[in-house]
Amino acid sequence: MTTTDVRTDRWRWVADPDPRWDPDRERVFAAIPDRVFPTMPRRPGARLPGDWWRVEDEHGVVGYGWLDDVWGDAEILLAVEQGVRGSGAGAFTLARLEEEAVARGLNYVLNVVRDTHPEREGVTAWLLARGFTADEGGRLRKRVGDRTRDVGQRQAGRPGTGTAPLPDGGRQERYAAERDRAAGRGHPDDRTGGSDLGPGTEESGGYVAQEQHRF
């Protein structure tokens, strides 16, 4: 079932159990070049791999969060509509993805910003400022599993800082079911080809940063 997991005065974080390419995604991803996420099918009605959430305001969908935990860490992606960038929607989305990873018992969130990403330097700087560390291959990771330290969650109403709250029993059951489903889905050995691979694969780019890297 699709549920609203987190609600603030401005945004809602809504699970999307049957993610497909639709008009809302067409609008949100309109300013994002295909080469940033080349393996994401952009065909009307196409089923999208991975776990997705919608970010909504009072007018409708303004962004998306994506997570894949098959490899033991949470590989994440976010996309925010161009008109709301700089409003904090990206930080809200990142905080929610970190919470999802913590609730699943994962230790790290990671993102890969490829050399071909048109906004690579700005995206990398945005993530580094939020607690990520980078290696030479462009992979950025952040530890979120240790709840005794700052894991980049909410604090005093601000997204992006503080510790992650423990999920309730219902949410933990849903995460367990989703993780079992993801484990059964598997990954192809060749991560460089095929149009049905998820947008979080290493060849797919990283975070969306189109307007001066302001999320």
N, C-alpha and C. Protein backbone atom coordinates (compact mmCIF):
# COMPACT_ATOMS: atom_id res chain seq x y z
N MET A 1 0.84 -1.19 0.00
CA MET A 1 0.00 0.00 0.00
C MET A 1 0.88 1.24 0.00
N THR A 2 0.43 2.26 -0.70
CA THR A 2 1.12 3.54 -0.69
C THR A 2 0.70 4.31 0.54
N THR A 3 1.67 4.73 1.33
CA THR A 3 1.35 5.46 2.56
C THR A 3 2.20 6.71 2.63
N THR A 4 1.71 7.69 3.36
CA THR A 4 2.49 8.87 3.65
C THR A 4 3.29 8.61 4.92
N ASP A 5 4.60 8.45 4.80
CA ASP A 5 5.44 8.08 5.94
C ASP A 5 5.85 9.29 6.77
N VAL A 6 6.12 10.41 6.14
CA VAL A 6 6.57 11.61 6.84
C VAL A 6 5.82 12.81 6.26
N ARG A 7 5.38 13.68 7.13
CA ARG A 7 4.68 14.89 6.69
C ARG A 7 5.23 16.08 7.45
N THR A 8 5.54 17.15 6.75
CA THR A 8 5.92 18.41 7.39
C THR A 8 4.91 19.47 6.96
N ASP A 9 5.12 20.68 7.41
CA ASP A 9 4.22 21.76 7.00
C ASP A 9 4.28 22.01 5.50
N ARG A 10 5.39 21.61 4.88
CA ARG A 10 5.57 21.94 3.47
C ARG A 10 5.55 20.72 2.56
N TRP A 11 6.12 19.59 3.00
CA TRP A 11 6.28 18.43 2.11
C TRP A 11 5.74 17.16 2.76
N ARG A 12 5.42 16.21 1.88
CA ARG A 12 5.03 14.87 2.28
C ARG A 12 5.95 13.86 1.58
N TRP A 13 6.28 12.81 2.30
CA TRP A 13 7.14 11.73 1.79
C TRP A 13 6.25 10.51 1.62
N VAL A 14 5.99 10.10 0.38
CA VAL A 14 4.97 9.11 0.09
C VAL A 14 5.59 7.92 -0.65
N ALA A 15 5.44 6.72 -0.11
CA ALA A 15 5.97 5.52 -0.75
C ALA A 15 5.23 5.25 -2.06
N ASP A 16 5.97 4.78 -3.06
CA ASP A 16 5.41 4.47 -4.38
C ASP A 16 5.67 2.99 -4.67
N PRO A 17 4.71 2.11 -4.35
CA PRO A 17 4.95 0.66 -4.46
C PRO A 17 4.96 0.14 -5.89
N ASP A 18 4.44 0.89 -6.85
CA ASP A 18 4.42 0.44 -8.24
C ASP A 18 4.94 1.58 -9.13
N PRO A 19 6.24 1.88 -9.04
CA PRO A 19 6.78 3.04 -9.76
C PRO A 19 6.83 2.82 -11.26
N ARG A 20 6.28 3.76 -11.99
CA ARG A 20 6.28 3.70 -13.45
C ARG A 20 6.54 5.10 -14.01
N TRP A 21 7.08 5.13 -15.22
CA TRP A 21 7.31 6.41 -15.87
C TRP A 21 5.97 7.04 -16.21
N ASP A 22 5.71 8.23 -15.68
CA ASP A 22 4.40 8.86 -15.82
C ASP A 22 4.58 10.36 -16.03
N PRO A 23 3.49 11.11 -16.22
CA PRO A 23 3.62 12.55 -16.46
C PRO A 23 4.33 13.31 -15.35
N ASP A 24 4.14 12.91 -14.09
CA ASP A 24 4.84 13.60 -13.00
C ASP A 24 6.35 13.43 -13.12
N ARG A 25 6.81 12.22 -13.40
CA ARG A 25 8.25 12.02 -13.58
C ARG A 25 8.74 12.74 -14.84
N GLU A 26 7.94 12.74 -15.87
CA GLU A 26 8.33 13.46 -17.09
C GLU A 26 8.59 14.92 -16.78
N ARG A 27 7.75 15.52 -15.94
CA ARG A 27 7.91 16.93 -15.58
C ARG A 27 9.13 17.14 -14.68
N VAL A 28 9.26 16.32 -13.62
CA VAL A 28 10.36 16.49 -12.67
C VAL A 28 11.71 16.27 -13.35
N PHE A 29 11.79 15.27 -14.24
CA PHE A 29 13.05 14.93 -14.89
C PHE A 29 13.27 15.70 -16.20
N ALA A 30 12.39 16.63 -16.53
CA ALA A 30 12.46 17.31 -17.82
C ALA A 30 13.78 18.02 -18.04
N ALA A 31 14.35 18.61 -16.99
CA ALA A 31 15.59 19.38 -17.12
C ALA A 31 16.83 18.54 -16.89
N ILE A 32 16.66 17.23 -16.72
CA ILE A 32 17.78 16.35 -16.43
C ILE A 32 18.18 15.62 -17.70
N PRO A 33 19.39 15.82 -18.21
CA PRO A 33 19.81 15.15 -19.44
C PRO A 33 19.76 13.64 -19.32
N ASP A 34 19.40 12.98 -20.40
CA ASP A 34 19.33 11.52 -20.39
C ASP A 34 20.65 10.88 -19.98
N ARG A 35 21.78 11.52 -20.31
CA ARG A 35 23.08 10.91 -20.04
C ARG A 35 23.38 10.87 -18.54
N VAL A 36 22.64 11.63 -17.72
CA VAL A 36 22.88 11.58 -16.28
C VAL A 36 22.39 10.25 -15.71
N PHE A 37 21.24 9.78 -16.18
CA PHE A 37 20.68 8.51 -15.75
C PHE A 37 20.32 7.70 -17.00
N PRO A 38 21.31 7.24 -17.77
CA PRO A 38 21.03 6.64 -19.07
C PRO A 38 20.29 5.32 -19.02
N THR A 39 20.32 4.62 -17.86
CA THR A 39 19.70 3.31 -17.80
C THR A 39 18.27 3.36 -17.28
N MET A 40 17.74 4.54 -17.00
CA MET A 40 16.36 4.65 -16.54
C MET A 40 15.43 4.71 -17.73
N PRO A 41 14.51 3.74 -17.89
CA PRO A 41 13.60 3.77 -19.03
C PRO A 41 12.65 4.95 -18.95
N ARG A 42 12.61 5.75 -19.98
CA ARG A 42 11.71 6.91 -20.02
C ARG A 42 10.60 6.67 -21.04
N ARG A 43 9.94 5.53 -20.90
CA ARG A 43 8.82 5.19 -21.76
C ARG A 43 7.53 5.24 -20.95
N PRO A 44 6.47 5.85 -21.46
CA PRO A 44 5.22 5.93 -20.70
C PRO A 44 4.77 4.55 -20.19
N GLY A 45 4.54 4.48 -18.90
CA GLY A 45 4.08 3.24 -18.30
C GLY A 45 5.16 2.24 -17.97
N ALA A 46 6.43 2.52 -18.32
CA ALA A 46 7.51 1.57 -18.07
C ALA A 46 7.72 1.39 -16.57
N ARG A 47 7.85 0.15 -16.13
CA ARG A 47 8.11 -0.17 -14.73
C ARG A 47 9.53 0.21 -14.38
N LEU A 48 9.72 0.92 -13.27
CA LEU A 48 11.03 1.41 -12.86
C LEU A 48 11.58 0.54 -11.74
N PRO A 49 12.82 0.07 -11.85
CA PRO A 49 13.40 -0.78 -10.80
C PRO A 49 13.69 0.02 -9.53
N GLY A 50 13.87 -0.70 -8.45
CA GLY A 50 14.25 -0.08 -7.20
C GLY A 50 13.04 0.39 -6.41
N ASP A 51 13.30 0.97 -5.25
CA ASP A 51 12.27 1.47 -4.35
C ASP A 51 12.19 2.99 -4.48
N TRP A 52 10.97 3.50 -4.67
CA TRP A 52 10.76 4.92 -4.95
C TRP A 52 9.81 5.54 -3.93
N TRP A 53 10.01 6.84 -3.71
CA TRP A 53 9.10 7.66 -2.91
C TRP A 53 8.86 8.98 -3.64
N ARG A 54 7.69 9.52 -3.47
CA ARG A 54 7.36 10.83 -4.03
C ARG A 54 7.51 11.90 -2.95
N VAL A 55 7.96 13.08 -3.35
CA VAL A 55 7.96 14.25 -2.49
C VAL A 55 6.86 15.16 -3.00
N GLU A 56 5.89 15.47 -2.16
CA GLU A 56 4.74 16.25 -2.58
C GLU A 56 4.60 17.50 -1.73
N ASP A 57 4.09 18.56 -2.36
CA ASP A 57 3.66 19.73 -1.61
C ASP A 57 2.16 19.89 -1.84
N GLU A 58 1.61 21.02 -1.50
CA GLU A 58 0.17 21.21 -1.62
C GLU A 58 -0.32 21.18 -3.06
N HIS A 59 0.60 21.35 -4.02
CA HIS A 59 0.22 21.38 -5.42
C HIS A 59 0.42 20.05 -6.13
N GLY A 60 1.15 19.12 -5.50
CA GLY A 60 1.40 17.84 -6.14
C GLY A 60 2.84 17.40 -6.00
N VAL A 61 3.30 16.54 -6.90
CA VAL A 61 4.64 15.96 -6.83
C VAL A 61 5.69 16.99 -7.23
N VAL A 62 6.73 17.13 -6.40
CA VAL A 62 7.82 18.06 -6.70
C VAL A 62 9.18 17.36 -6.76
N GLY A 63 9.23 16.07 -6.42
CA GLY A 63 10.51 15.38 -6.45
C GLY A 63 10.34 13.91 -6.16
N TYR A 64 11.48 13.20 -6.24
CA TYR A 64 11.50 11.75 -6.01
C TYR A 64 12.75 11.35 -5.25
N GLY A 65 12.62 10.29 -4.47
CA GLY A 65 13.76 9.63 -3.85
C GLY A 65 13.79 8.19 -4.30
N TRP A 66 14.99 7.64 -4.46
CA TRP A 66 15.18 6.26 -4.93
C TRP A 66 16.22 5.57 -4.06
N LEU A 67 16.01 4.29 -3.79
CA LEU A 67 16.95 3.54 -2.95
C LEU A 67 17.00 2.09 -3.44
N ASP A 68 18.21 1.52 -3.42
CA ASP A 68 18.43 0.12 -3.72
C ASP A 68 19.42 -0.42 -2.70
N ASP A 69 19.01 -1.43 -1.93
CA ASP A 69 19.88 -1.93 -0.87
C ASP A 69 20.34 -3.36 -1.12
N VAL A 70 20.32 -3.81 -2.37
CA VAL A 70 20.70 -5.18 -2.67
C VAL A 70 22.14 -5.47 -2.28
N TRP A 71 23.02 -4.49 -2.42
CA TRP A 71 24.45 -4.72 -2.20
C TRP A 71 24.87 -4.49 -0.76
N GLY A 72 23.94 -4.33 0.16
CA GLY A 72 24.28 -4.21 1.56
C GLY A 72 24.34 -2.79 2.07
N ASP A 73 24.59 -1.84 1.19
CA ASP A 73 24.48 -0.42 1.52
C ASP A 73 23.26 0.12 0.78
N ALA A 74 22.87 1.33 1.10
CA ALA A 74 21.73 1.94 0.43
C ALA A 74 22.24 2.86 -0.66
N GLU A 75 22.15 2.43 -1.90
CA GLU A 75 22.48 3.31 -3.02
C GLU A 75 21.28 4.20 -3.28
N ILE A 76 21.50 5.51 -3.32
CA ILE A 76 20.38 6.44 -3.35
C ILE A 76 20.47 7.41 -4.52
N LEU A 77 19.31 7.96 -4.84
CA LEU A 77 19.16 8.93 -5.91
C LEU A 77 18.07 9.90 -5.50
N LEU A 78 18.22 11.15 -5.83
CA LEU A 78 17.11 12.08 -5.66
C LEU A 78 17.00 12.99 -6.86
N ALA A 79 15.79 13.42 -7.13
CA ALA A 79 15.52 14.37 -8.21
C ALA A 79 14.47 15.36 -7.71
N VAL A 80 14.71 16.63 -7.93
CA VAL A 80 13.81 17.69 -7.49
C VAL A 80 13.44 18.55 -8.68
N GLU A 81 12.17 18.89 -8.78
CA GLU A 81 11.70 19.71 -9.88
C GLU A 81 12.44 21.05 -9.91
N GLN A 82 12.74 21.52 -11.09
CA GLN A 82 13.59 22.70 -11.23
C GLN A 82 13.03 23.91 -10.50
N GLY A 83 11.73 24.08 -10.49
CA GLY A 83 11.13 25.27 -9.88
C GLY A 83 11.22 25.33 -8.37
N VAL A 84 11.50 24.20 -7.71
CA VAL A 84 11.59 24.21 -6.25
C VAL A 84 13.01 24.00 -5.74
N ARG A 85 13.97 23.94 -6.63
CA ARG A 85 15.35 23.79 -6.17
C ARG A 85 15.80 25.04 -5.42
N GLY A 86 16.54 24.83 -4.38
CA GLY A 86 16.96 25.93 -3.51
C GLY A 86 16.02 26.16 -2.35
N SER A 87 14.93 25.36 -2.28
CA SER A 87 13.93 25.53 -1.23
C SER A 87 14.16 24.62 -0.04
N GLY A 88 15.11 23.70 -0.14
CA GLY A 88 15.32 22.71 0.91
C GLY A 88 14.68 21.37 0.62
N ALA A 89 14.01 21.25 -0.52
CA ALA A 89 13.36 19.99 -0.87
C ALA A 89 14.39 18.87 -1.03
N GLY A 90 15.56 19.19 -1.57
CA GLY A 90 16.60 18.18 -1.71
C GLY A 90 17.10 17.68 -0.37
N ALA A 91 17.31 18.60 0.58
CA ALA A 91 17.75 18.20 1.92
C ALA A 91 16.69 17.36 2.61
N PHE A 92 15.42 17.72 2.42
CA PHE A 92 14.32 16.93 2.96
C PHE A 92 14.35 15.51 2.39
N THR A 93 14.55 15.40 1.08
CA THR A 93 14.58 14.09 0.43
C THR A 93 15.76 13.26 0.91
N LEU A 94 16.93 13.88 1.00
CA LEU A 94 18.12 13.17 1.48
C LEU A 94 17.90 12.65 2.90
N ALA A 95 17.33 13.48 3.76
CA ALA A 95 17.08 13.06 5.14
C ALA A 95 16.15 11.86 5.20
N ARG A 96 15.12 11.87 4.35
CA ARG A 96 14.19 10.75 4.35
C ARG A 96 14.86 9.48 3.84
N LEU A 97 15.69 9.58 2.82
CA LEU A 97 16.39 8.40 2.30
C LEU A 97 17.33 7.84 3.36
N GLU A 98 17.98 8.70 4.11
CA GLU A 98 18.85 8.23 5.19
C GLU A 98 18.03 7.50 6.24
N GLU A 99 16.85 8.01 6.56
CA GLU A 99 15.99 7.35 7.53
C GLU A 99 15.56 5.97 7.03
N GLU A 100 15.25 5.89 5.74
CA GLU A 100 14.86 4.60 5.16
C GLU A 100 16.01 3.60 5.30
N ALA A 101 17.23 4.04 5.05
CA ALA A 101 18.39 3.14 5.16
C ALA A 101 18.58 2.69 6.60
N VAL A 102 18.49 3.61 7.55
CA VAL A 102 18.66 3.27 8.96
C VAL A 102 17.59 2.27 9.40
N ALA A 103 16.35 2.49 8.97
CA ALA A 103 15.26 1.61 9.37
C ALA A 103 15.45 0.20 8.83
N ARG A 104 16.17 0.04 7.73
CA ARG A 104 16.43 -1.27 7.16
C ARG A 104 17.67 -1.93 7.76
N GLY A 105 18.32 -1.23 8.70
CA GLY A 105 19.50 -1.80 9.34
C GLY A 105 20.76 -1.65 8.52
N LEU A 106 20.77 -0.74 7.55
CA LEU A 106 21.95 -0.54 6.70
C LEU A 106 22.89 0.47 7.34
N ASN A 107 24.17 0.35 7.06
CA ASN A 107 25.17 1.21 7.69
C ASN A 107 25.53 2.44 6.89
N TYR A 108 25.40 2.37 5.56
CA TYR A 108 25.85 3.47 4.71
C TYR A 108 24.82 3.80 3.64
N VAL A 109 24.78 5.07 3.27
CA VAL A 109 24.14 5.48 2.02
C VAL A 109 25.27 5.88 1.07
N LEU A 110 25.08 5.62 -0.20
CA LEU A 110 26.11 5.96 -1.17
C LEU A 110 25.50 6.48 -2.46
N ASN A 111 26.31 7.25 -3.17
CA ASN A 111 25.92 7.81 -4.45
C ASN A 111 27.16 7.87 -5.32
N VAL A 112 27.00 7.65 -6.60
CA VAL A 112 28.11 7.69 -7.54
C VAL A 112 27.89 8.84 -8.51
N VAL A 113 28.82 9.77 -8.53
CA VAL A 113 28.76 10.90 -9.47
C VAL A 113 29.82 10.64 -10.53
N ARG A 114 29.40 10.21 -11.70
CA ARG A 114 30.32 9.82 -12.76
C ARG A 114 31.01 11.03 -13.38
N ASP A 115 32.13 10.78 -14.04
CA ASP A 115 32.85 11.85 -14.73
C ASP A 115 31.99 12.52 -15.79
N THR A 116 31.01 11.79 -16.34
CA THR A 116 30.16 12.33 -17.40
C THR A 116 29.02 13.19 -16.87
N HIS A 117 28.87 13.27 -15.56
CA HIS A 117 27.80 14.10 -14.99
C HIS A 117 28.10 15.57 -15.30
N PRO A 118 27.15 16.31 -15.90
CA PRO A 118 27.42 17.69 -16.29
C PRO A 118 27.63 18.64 -15.12
N GLU A 119 27.18 18.26 -13.92
CA GLU A 119 27.33 19.12 -12.74
C GLU A 119 28.11 18.39 -11.65
N ARG A 120 29.10 17.66 -12.04
CA ARG A 120 29.79 16.76 -11.12
C ARG A 120 30.38 17.49 -9.92
N GLU A 121 31.08 18.57 -10.14
CA GLU A 121 31.76 19.26 -9.04
C GLU A 121 30.75 19.82 -8.03
N GLY A 122 29.69 20.42 -8.52
CA GLY A 122 28.69 21.00 -7.62
C GLY A 122 27.94 19.96 -6.84
N VAL A 123 27.58 18.86 -7.50
CA VAL A 123 26.87 17.78 -6.82
C VAL A 123 27.76 17.17 -5.74
N THR A 124 29.01 16.94 -6.08
CA THR A 124 29.94 16.38 -5.11
C THR A 124 30.10 17.30 -3.90
N ALA A 125 30.23 18.59 -4.14
CA ALA A 125 30.37 19.55 -3.05
C ALA A 125 29.14 19.55 -2.16
N TRP A 126 27.96 19.46 -2.76
CA TRP A 126 26.71 19.45 -1.99
C TRP A 126 26.67 18.25 -1.05
N LEU A 127 27.08 17.09 -1.55
CA LEU A 127 27.07 15.89 -0.73
C LEU A 127 28.16 15.92 0.34
N LEU A 128 29.35 16.40 -0.02
CA LEU A 128 30.42 16.49 0.96
C LEU A 128 30.03 17.40 2.12
N ALA A 129 29.30 18.47 1.81
CA ALA A 129 28.86 19.39 2.86
C ALA A 129 27.84 18.75 3.79
N ARG A 130 27.27 17.63 3.38
CA ARG A 130 26.26 16.94 4.17
C ARG A 130 26.76 15.62 4.73
N GLY A 131 28.09 15.51 4.89
CA GLY A 131 28.66 14.40 5.61
C GLY A 131 29.15 13.24 4.79
N PHE A 132 29.09 13.34 3.46
CA PHE A 132 29.60 12.26 2.62
C PHE A 132 31.11 12.39 2.46
N THR A 133 31.77 11.27 2.19
CA THR A 133 33.18 11.26 1.83
C THR A 133 33.32 10.60 0.47
N ALA A 134 34.32 11.02 -0.30
CA ALA A 134 34.47 10.57 -1.69
C ALA A 134 35.74 9.76 -1.85
N ASP A 135 35.70 8.79 -2.79
CA ASP A 135 36.92 8.11 -3.19
C ASP A 135 37.30 8.55 -4.60
N GLU A 136 38.39 8.03 -5.12
CA GLU A 136 38.89 8.48 -6.42
C GLU A 136 37.97 8.11 -7.57
N GLY A 137 37.13 7.10 -7.40
CA GLY A 137 36.23 6.68 -8.46
C GLY A 137 34.94 7.46 -8.54
N GLY A 138 34.77 8.45 -7.66
CA GLY A 138 33.56 9.23 -7.68
C GLY A 138 32.46 8.70 -6.79
N ARG A 139 32.73 7.65 -6.04
CA ARG A 139 31.74 7.09 -5.12
C ARG A 139 31.74 7.89 -3.83
N LEU A 140 30.57 8.32 -3.39
CA LEU A 140 30.44 9.07 -2.14
C LEU A 140 29.61 8.25 -1.17
N ARG A 141 30.11 8.15 0.08
CA ARG A 141 29.44 7.34 1.09
C ARG A 141 29.28 8.15 2.36
N LYS A 142 28.24 7.78 3.10
CA LYS A 142 28.00 8.40 4.40
C LYS A 142 27.49 7.33 5.36
N ARG A 143 28.09 7.27 6.53
CA ARG A 143 27.64 6.30 7.54
C ARG A 143 26.37 6.81 8.19
N VAL A 144 25.35 5.97 8.23
CA VAL A 144 24.09 6.33 8.87
C VAL A 144 23.65 5.30 9.89
N GLY A 145 24.32 4.14 9.94
CA GLY A 145 23.84 3.05 10.76
C GLY A 145 24.11 3.18 12.25
N ASP A 146 25.08 4.01 12.62
CA ASP A 146 25.41 4.19 14.03
C ASP A 146 24.55 5.31 14.59
N ARG A 147 23.54 4.99 15.36
CA ARG A 147 22.60 6.00 15.86
C ARG A 147 23.17 6.83 17.01
N THR A 148 24.38 6.51 17.48
CA THR A 148 24.95 7.29 18.58
C THR A 148 25.68 8.52 18.08
N ARG A 149 25.77 8.68 16.76
CA ARG A 149 26.46 9.84 16.20
C ARG A 149 25.56 10.55 15.23
N ASP A 150 25.96 11.73 14.79
CA ASP A 150 25.19 12.51 13.83
C ASP A 150 25.15 11.74 12.51
N VAL A 151 23.95 11.38 12.05
CA VAL A 151 23.82 10.63 10.82
C VAL A 151 23.08 11.43 9.75
N GLY A 152 22.98 12.74 9.94
CA GLY A 152 22.43 13.56 8.88
C GLY A 152 20.92 13.58 8.82
N GLN A 153 20.26 13.34 9.95
CA GLN A 153 18.81 13.37 9.95
C GLN A 153 18.30 14.67 10.56
N ARG A 154 17.05 14.66 10.97
CA ARG A 154 16.43 15.90 11.43
C ARG A 154 16.82 16.25 12.86
N GLN A 155 16.98 17.52 13.12
CA GLN A 155 17.26 18.00 14.46
C GLN A 155 16.62 19.38 14.58
N ALA A 156 15.81 19.56 15.62
CA ALA A 156 15.13 20.83 15.83
C ALA A 156 14.37 21.28 14.60
N GLY A 157 13.78 20.33 13.90
CA GLY A 157 12.96 20.67 12.74
C GLY A 157 13.72 20.92 11.47
N ARG A 158 15.07 20.80 11.49
CA ARG A 158 15.86 21.07 10.30
C ARG A 158 16.27 19.76 9.65
N PRO A 159 15.98 19.58 8.35
CA PRO A 159 16.48 18.39 7.68
C PRO A 159 17.99 18.48 7.50
N GLY A 160 18.65 17.33 7.55
CA GLY A 160 20.07 17.30 7.23
C GLY A 160 20.99 17.19 8.43
N THR A 161 20.45 17.28 9.67
CA THR A 161 21.30 17.16 10.84
C THR A 161 20.58 16.35 11.90
N GLY A 162 21.33 15.86 12.89
CA GLY A 162 20.72 15.16 13.99
C GLY A 162 20.75 13.66 13.83
N THR A 163 20.03 12.95 14.68
CA THR A 163 20.01 11.50 14.65
C THR A 163 18.70 10.99 14.09
N ALA A 164 18.73 9.79 13.56
CA ALA A 164 17.54 9.22 12.94
C ALA A 164 16.63 8.62 14.00
N PRO A 165 15.31 8.89 13.95
CA PRO A 165 14.39 8.28 14.90
C PRO A 165 14.17 6.81 14.55
N LEU A 166 13.92 6.01 15.56
CA LEU A 166 13.61 4.60 15.32
C LEU A 166 12.22 4.48 14.70
N PRO A 167 12.05 3.62 13.68
CA PRO A 167 10.73 3.46 13.07
C PRO A 167 9.81 2.66 13.98
N ASP A 168 8.49 2.82 13.78
CA ASP A 168 7.55 2.02 14.55
C ASP A 168 7.50 0.60 13.99
N GLY A 169 6.77 -0.27 14.71
CA GLY A 169 6.74 -1.68 14.32
C GLY A 169 6.20 -1.90 12.93
N GLY A 170 5.16 -1.15 12.55
CA GLY A 170 4.58 -1.32 11.22
C GLY A 170 5.56 -0.98 10.12
N ARG A 171 6.31 0.09 10.30
CA ARG A 171 7.28 0.47 9.29
C ARG A 171 8.41 -0.55 9.22
N GLN A 172 8.85 -1.09 10.37
CA GLN A 172 9.90 -2.09 10.34
C GLN A 172 9.46 -3.34 9.58
N GLU A 173 8.21 -3.74 9.75
CA GLU A 173 7.70 -4.90 9.01
C GLU A 173 7.69 -4.63 7.52
N ARG A 174 7.29 -3.42 7.12
CA ARG A 174 7.26 -3.08 5.70
C ARG A 174 8.66 -3.07 5.11
N TYR A 175 9.62 -2.53 5.86
CA TYR A 175 10.99 -2.51 5.37
C TYR A 175 11.54 -3.93 5.21
N ALA A 176 11.21 -4.80 6.17
CA ALA A 176 11.68 -6.18 6.08
C ALA A 176 11.13 -6.85 4.84
N ALA A 177 9.84 -6.61 4.55
CA ALA A 177 9.24 -7.20 3.36
C ALA A 177 9.87 -6.65 2.10
N GLU A 178 10.14 -5.34 2.08
CA GLU A 178 10.76 -4.74 0.90
C GLU A 178 12.18 -5.26 0.70
N ARG A 179 12.89 -5.45 1.79
CA ARG A 179 14.26 -5.92 1.67
C ARG A 179 14.30 -7.35 1.14
N ASP A 180 13.35 -8.20 1.62
CA ASP A 180 13.27 -9.56 1.12
C ASP A 180 12.96 -9.57 -0.38
N ARG A 181 12.07 -8.67 -0.78
CA ARG A 181 11.73 -8.59 -2.20
C ARG A 181 12.93 -8.14 -3.02
N ALA A 182 13.70 -7.16 -2.49
CA ALA A 182 14.87 -6.67 -3.21
C ALA A 182 15.94 -7.75 -3.33
N ALA A 183 16.11 -8.53 -2.26
CA ALA A 183 17.12 -9.58 -2.29
C ALA A 183 16.78 -10.64 -3.32
N GLY A 184 15.50 -10.90 -3.51
CA GLY A 184 15.09 -11.89 -4.49
C GLY A 184 15.15 -11.40 -5.91
N ARG A 185 15.22 -10.06 -6.05
CA ARG A 185 15.22 -9.49 -7.39
C ARG A 185 16.56 -9.68 -8.07
N GLY A 186 17.66 -9.54 -7.31
CA GLY A 186 19.00 -9.75 -7.87
C GLY A 186 19.42 -8.65 -8.80
N HIS A 187 20.69 -8.71 -9.21
CA HIS A 187 21.27 -7.75 -10.13
C HIS A 187 21.99 -8.49 -11.24
N PRO A 188 21.96 -7.97 -12.46
CA PRO A 188 22.77 -8.58 -13.51
C PRO A 188 24.25 -8.34 -13.26
N ASP A 189 25.09 -9.24 -13.78
CA ASP A 189 26.52 -9.07 -13.59
C ASP A 189 27.05 -7.89 -14.36
N ASP A 190 26.46 -7.63 -15.54
CA ASP A 190 26.92 -6.53 -16.37
C ASP A 190 26.12 -5.29 -16.02
N ARG A 191 26.75 -4.34 -15.34
CA ARG A 191 26.06 -3.13 -14.89
C ARG A 191 26.14 -2.00 -15.90
N THR A 192 26.66 -2.27 -17.09
CA THR A 192 26.85 -1.19 -18.05
C THR A 192 25.87 -1.22 -19.18
N GLY A 193 25.04 -2.24 -19.31
CA GLY A 193 24.16 -2.32 -20.46
C GLY A 193 22.75 -2.65 -20.07
N GLY A 194 21.81 -2.46 -21.00
CA GLY A 194 20.43 -2.80 -20.75
C GLY A 194 19.64 -1.62 -20.27
N SER A 195 18.47 -1.41 -20.84
CA SER A 195 17.69 -0.22 -20.52
C SER A 195 16.87 -0.37 -19.26
N ASP A 196 16.83 -1.56 -18.65
CA ASP A 196 15.98 -1.75 -17.50
C ASP A 196 16.73 -1.73 -16.18
N LEU A 197 18.02 -1.40 -16.20
CA LEU A 197 18.74 -1.28 -14.94
C LEU A 197 18.25 -0.05 -14.20
N GLY A 198 18.37 -0.07 -12.87
CA GLY A 198 17.90 1.04 -12.07
C GLY A 198 18.78 2.26 -12.21
N PRO A 199 18.23 3.44 -11.88
CA PRO A 199 19.00 4.68 -12.01
C PRO A 199 20.12 4.80 -11.02
N GLY A 200 20.24 3.89 -10.07
CA GLY A 200 21.32 3.97 -9.10
C GLY A 200 22.54 3.19 -9.49
N THR A 201 22.57 2.56 -10.66
CA THR A 201 23.76 1.84 -11.07
C THR A 201 24.91 2.80 -11.28
N GLU A 202 26.13 2.26 -11.22
CA GLU A 202 27.29 3.14 -11.27
C GLU A 202 27.37 3.92 -12.56
N GLU A 203 26.84 3.38 -13.64
CA GLU A 203 26.93 4.09 -14.91
C GLU A 203 25.86 5.16 -15.06
N SER A 204 25.00 5.29 -14.04
CA SER A 204 23.83 6.13 -14.24
C SER A 204 24.01 7.55 -13.74
N GLY A 205 25.13 7.89 -13.13
CA GLY A 205 25.33 9.26 -12.69
C GLY A 205 25.13 9.36 -11.20
N GLY A 206 24.60 10.48 -10.73
CA GLY A 206 24.42 10.66 -9.31
C GLY A 206 23.28 11.59 -9.05
N TYR A 207 23.45 12.46 -8.11
CA TYR A 207 22.38 13.35 -7.73
C TYR A 207 22.08 14.35 -8.84
N VAL A 208 20.84 14.80 -8.85
CA VAL A 208 20.41 15.81 -9.81
C VAL A 208 20.76 17.19 -9.27
N ALA A 209 21.52 17.96 -10.02
CA ALA A 209 21.86 19.31 -9.62
C ALA A 209 21.94 20.15 -10.88
N GLN A 210 20.87 20.82 -11.21
CA GLN A 210 20.81 21.50 -12.48
C GLN A 210 20.89 23.01 -12.38
N GLU A 211 20.43 23.57 -11.28
CA GLU A 211 20.38 25.01 -11.16
C GLU A 211 21.31 25.46 -10.05
N GLN A 212 22.59 25.64 -10.40
CA GLN A 212 23.62 26.07 -9.46
C GLN A 212 23.71 25.12 -8.28
N HIS A 213 23.37 23.87 -8.52
CA HIS A 213 23.52 22.81 -7.53
C HIS A 213 22.75 23.13 -6.25
N ARG A 214 21.64 23.86 -6.36
CA ARG A 214 20.87 24.23 -5.18
C ARG A 214 19.70 23.27 -5.03
N PHE A 215 19.68 22.53 -3.90
CA PHE A 215 18.62 21.57 -3.70
C PHE A 215 17.59 22.23 -2.78
